[in-house]
C-alpha atoms as a PDB file:
ATOM      1  CA  MET A   1      43.007  49.767 -55.492  1.00  0.00           C
ATOM      2  CA  PHE A   2      41.353  53.068 -56.344  1.00  0.00           C
ATOM      3  CA  VAL A   3      42.009  52.548 -60.075  1.00  0.00           C
ATOM      4  CA  THR A   4      40.183  49.211 -60.015  1.00  0.00           C
ATOM      5  CA  GLY A   5      37.093  50.853 -58.496  1.00  0.00           C
ATOM      6  CA  VAL A   6      37.054  53.463 -61.240  1.00  0.00           C
ATOM      7  CA  ALA A   7      37.290  50.764 -63.901  1.00  0.00           C
ATOM      8  CA  TYR A   8      34.294  48.966 -62.432  1.00  0.00           C
ATOM      9  CA  ALA A   9      32.302  52.177 -62.258  1.00  0.00           C
ATOM     10  CA  MET A  10      32.950  52.975 -65.919  1.00  0.00           C
ATOM     11  CA  GLY A  11      32.687  49.503 -67.383  1.00  0.00           C
ATOM     12  CA  GLY A  12      29.914  48.026 -65.323  1.00  0.00           C
ATOM     13  CA  SER A  13      30.180  44.767 -63.460  1.00  0.00           C
ATOM     14  CA  PRO A  14      32.802  42.321 -64.627  1.00  0.00           C
ATOM     15  CA  GLY A  15      31.379  39.736 -67.051  1.00  0.00           C
ATOM     16  CA  GLY A  16      28.371  41.960 -68.001  1.00  0.00           C
ATOM     17  CA  GLY A  17      28.917  41.281 -71.700  1.00  0.00           C
ATOM     18  CA  ALA A  18      26.293  41.904 -74.377  1.00  0.00           C
ATOM     19  CA  GLY A  19      23.311  41.692 -72.029  1.00  0.00           C
ATOM     20  CA  GLY A  20      23.849  45.289 -70.933  1.00  0.00           C
ATOM     21  CA  GLY A  21      23.743  46.509 -74.551  1.00  0.00           C
ATOM     22  CA  LEU A  22      20.442  44.784 -75.229  1.00  0.00           C
ATOM     23  CA  MET A  23      18.926  46.266 -72.080  1.00  0.00           C
ATOM     24  CA  GLY A  24      20.088  49.690 -73.265  1.00  0.00           C
ATOM     25  CA  LEU A  25      18.147  49.299 -76.546  1.00  0.00           C
ATOM     26  CA  LEU A  26      14.946  48.101 -74.877  1.00  0.00           C
ATOM     27  CA  PRO A  27      13.655  51.585 -73.897  1.00  0.00           C
ATOM     28  CA  ILE A  28      14.300  52.907 -77.418  1.00  0.00           C
ATOM     29  CA  LEU A  29      12.416  49.982 -78.982  1.00  0.00           C
ATOM     30  CA  LEU A  30       9.578  50.445 -76.510  1.00  0.00           C
ATOM     31  CA  MET A  31       9.324  54.156 -77.390  1.00  0.00           C
ATOM     32  CA  PHE A  32       9.190  53.333 -81.116  1.00  0.00           C
ATOM     33  CA  VAL A  33       6.343  50.851 -80.563  1.00  0.00           C
ATOM     34  CA  ILE A  34       4.406  53.418 -78.505  1.00  0.00           C
ATOM     35  CA  PHE A  35       4.937  56.150 -81.123  1.00  0.00           C
ATOM     36  CA  TYR A  36       3.816  53.783 -83.870  1.00  0.00           C
ATOM     37  CA  PHE A  37       0.514  52.903 -82.217  1.00  0.00           C
ATOM     38  CA  LEU A  38      -0.263  56.388 -80.856  1.00  0.00           C
ATOM     39  CA  LEU A  39       0.926  58.617 -83.709  1.00  0.00           C
ATOM     40  CA  ILE A  40       1.972  56.925 -86.945  1.00  0.00           C
ATOM     41  CA  ARG A  41      -0.777  54.320 -87.380  1.00  0.00           C
ATOM     42  CA  PRO A  42      -3.751  56.660 -86.739  1.00  0.00           C
ATOM     43  CA  GLN A  43      -2.261  59.246 -89.098  1.00  0.00           C
ATOM     44  CA  GLN A  44      -1.874  56.627 -91.839  1.00  0.00           C
ATOM     45  CA  LYS A  45      -5.511  55.542 -91.383  1.00  0.00           C
ATOM     46  CA  GLN A  46      -6.730  59.145 -91.625  1.00  0.00           C
ATOM     47  CA  ALA A  47      -4.633  59.818 -94.744  1.00  0.00           C
ATOM     48  CA  SER A  48      -5.998  56.656 -96.359  1.00  0.00           C
ATOM     49  CA  LYS A  49      -9.564  57.706 -95.545  1.00  0.00           C
ATOM     50  CA  GLN A  50      -8.930  61.166 -97.085  1.00  0.00           C
ATOM     51  CA  ARG A  51      -7.429  59.631-100.259  1.00  0.00           C
ATOM     52  CA  ASP A  52     -10.469  57.368-100.648  1.00  0.00           C
ATOM     53  CA  PHE A  53     -12.847  60.319-100.155  1.00  0.00           C
ATOM     54  CA  ILE A  54     -11.100  62.386-102.847  1.00  0.00           C
ATOM     55  CA  LYS A  55     -10.925  59.426-105.225  1.00  0.00           C
ATOM     56  CA  ASN A  56     -14.670  58.720-104.869  1.00  0.00           C
ATOM     57  CA  LEU A  57     -15.905  62.285-105.459  1.00  0.00           C
ATOM     58  CA  LYS A  58     -18.626  62.693-108.071  1.00  0.00           C
ATOM     59  CA  ALA A  59     -20.630  65.533-109.570  1.00  0.00           C
ATOM     60  CA  GLY A  60     -23.252  66.852-107.180  1.00  0.00           C
ATOM     61  CA  ASP A  61     -21.246  66.263-103.976  1.00  0.00           C
ATOM     62  CA  ARG A  62     -21.001  69.225-101.621  1.00  0.00           C
ATOM     63  CA  VAL A  63     -17.452  69.765-100.361  1.00  0.00           C
ATOM     64  CA  VAL A  64     -15.244  72.164 -98.399  1.00  0.00           C
ATOM     65  CA  THR A  65     -11.749  73.118 -99.539  1.00  0.00           C
ATOM     66  CA  THR A  66      -8.766  73.666 -97.274  1.00  0.00           C
ATOM     67  CA  GLY A  67      -9.195  77.390 -97.932  1.00  0.00           C
ATOM     68  CA  GLY A  68     -12.747  77.291 -96.552  1.00  0.00           C
ATOM     69  CA  LEU A  69     -14.734  77.467 -99.796  1.00  0.00           C
ATOM     70  CA  HIS A  70     -18.015  75.563 -99.688  1.00  0.00           C
ATOM     71  CA  GLY A  71     -19.339  74.415-103.014  1.00  0.00           C
ATOM     72  CA  GLU A  72     -20.923  71.759-105.161  1.00  0.00           C
ATOM     73  CA  VAL A  73     -18.807  69.608-107.462  1.00  0.00           C
ATOM     74  CA  LYS A  74     -19.779  70.308-111.075  1.00  0.00           C
ATOM     75  CA  GLY A  75     -16.901  68.755-112.974  1.00  0.00           C
ATOM     76  CA  LEU A  76     -13.986  66.407-112.358  1.00  0.00           C
ATOM     77  CA  THR A  77     -10.698  65.631-114.057  1.00  0.00           C
ATOM     78  CA  ASP A  78      -7.757  63.571-112.853  1.00  0.00           C
ATOM     79  CA  THR A  79      -6.173  66.522-111.054  1.00  0.00           C
ATOM     80  CA  THR A  80      -8.808  69.273-110.742  1.00  0.00           C
ATOM     81  CA  ILE A  81     -12.358  69.760-109.533  1.00  0.00           C
ATOM     82  CA  THR A  82     -14.761  72.449-110.717  1.00  0.00           C
ATOM     83  CA  LEU A  83     -16.781  73.807-107.799  1.00  0.00           C
ATOM     84  CA  GLU A  84     -19.847  75.986-108.005  1.00  0.00           C
ATOM     85  CA  ILE A  85     -19.591  78.265-104.969  1.00  0.00           C
ATOM     86  CA  ALA A  86     -22.544  80.517-105.882  1.00  0.00           C
ATOM     87  CA  ASP A  87     -25.069  80.775-108.728  1.00  0.00           C
ATOM     88  CA  LYS A  88     -23.042  80.717-111.957  1.00  0.00           C
ATOM     89  CA  VAL A  89     -19.750  81.224-110.054  1.00  0.00           C
ATOM     90  CA  ARG A  90     -17.374  78.342-110.640  1.00  0.00           C
ATOM     91  CA  VAL A  91     -13.790  77.849-109.526  1.00  0.00           C
ATOM     92  CA  LYS A  92     -11.263  75.160-110.307  1.00  0.00           C
ATOM     93  CA  VAL A  93      -9.271  73.655-107.440  1.00  0.00           C
ATOM     94  CA  THR A  94      -6.888  70.749-107.241  1.00  0.00           C
ATOM     95  CA  ARG A  95      -8.256  67.521-105.839  1.00  0.00           C
ATOM     96  CA  SER A  96      -5.858  67.685-102.908  1.00  0.00           C
ATOM     97  CA  ALA A  97      -7.397  71.030-101.846  1.00  0.00           C
ATOM     98  CA  VAL A  98     -10.647  69.301-100.853  1.00  0.00           C
ATOM     99  CA  SER A  99     -10.684  68.704 -97.110  1.00  0.00           C
ATOM    100  CA  GLY A 100     -14.094  67.076 -96.622  1.00  0.00           C
ATOM    101  CA  SER A 101     -17.795  67.155 -97.276  1.00  0.00           C
ATOM    102  CA  SER A 102     -19.998  70.134 -96.417  1.00  0.00           C
ATOM    103  CA  GLN A 103     -22.172  67.960 -94.191  1.00  0.00           C
ATOM    104  CA  ASP A 104     -19.142  67.074 -92.037  1.00  0.00           C
ATOM    105  CA  ALA A 105     -18.195  70.754 -91.698  1.00  0.00           C
ATOM    106  CA  ALA A 106     -21.746  71.796 -90.777  1.00  0.00           C
ATOM    107  CA  ALA A 107     -22.280  69.015 -88.220  1.00  0.00           C
ATOM    108  CA  PRO A 108     -20.524  70.725 -85.252  1.00  0.00           C
ATOM    109  CA  GLU A 109     -22.601  73.872 -85.777  1.00  0.00           C
ATOM    110  CA  ALA A 110     -25.831  71.881 -85.591  1.00  0.00           C
ATOM    111  CA  GLN A 111     -24.828  70.439 -82.216  1.00  0.00           C
ATOM    112  CA  LYS A 112     -24.265  73.853 -80.551  1.00  0.00           C
ATOM    113  CA  PRO A 113     -26.901  74.782 -77.966  1.00  0.00           C
ATOM    114  CA  ALA A 114     -29.146  77.708 -78.947  1.00  0.00           C
END
């Protein structure tokens, strides 16, 4: 009699079948859906926006690199950008090193109270 009770405790109720397995996967599927909408999808949108920004750069745009250099785009190739960071001081950086426009970087400073 005791052995039968142990078998029920380990195997679930008799006749449970495949329904228990599907209910076990439901929380995992629910977590994946939540992660997709809270983490993966917004990150993909932001990466797409960044790719479009880099692709649409043109001479005269003011940008900021990931290293913090502020400059004006003077020349473009498929892989590099020539930035003028001071009068007659030009540097070449890869396109992927550009993080955004100078106006976007300066906007939070303008909103600070004096």
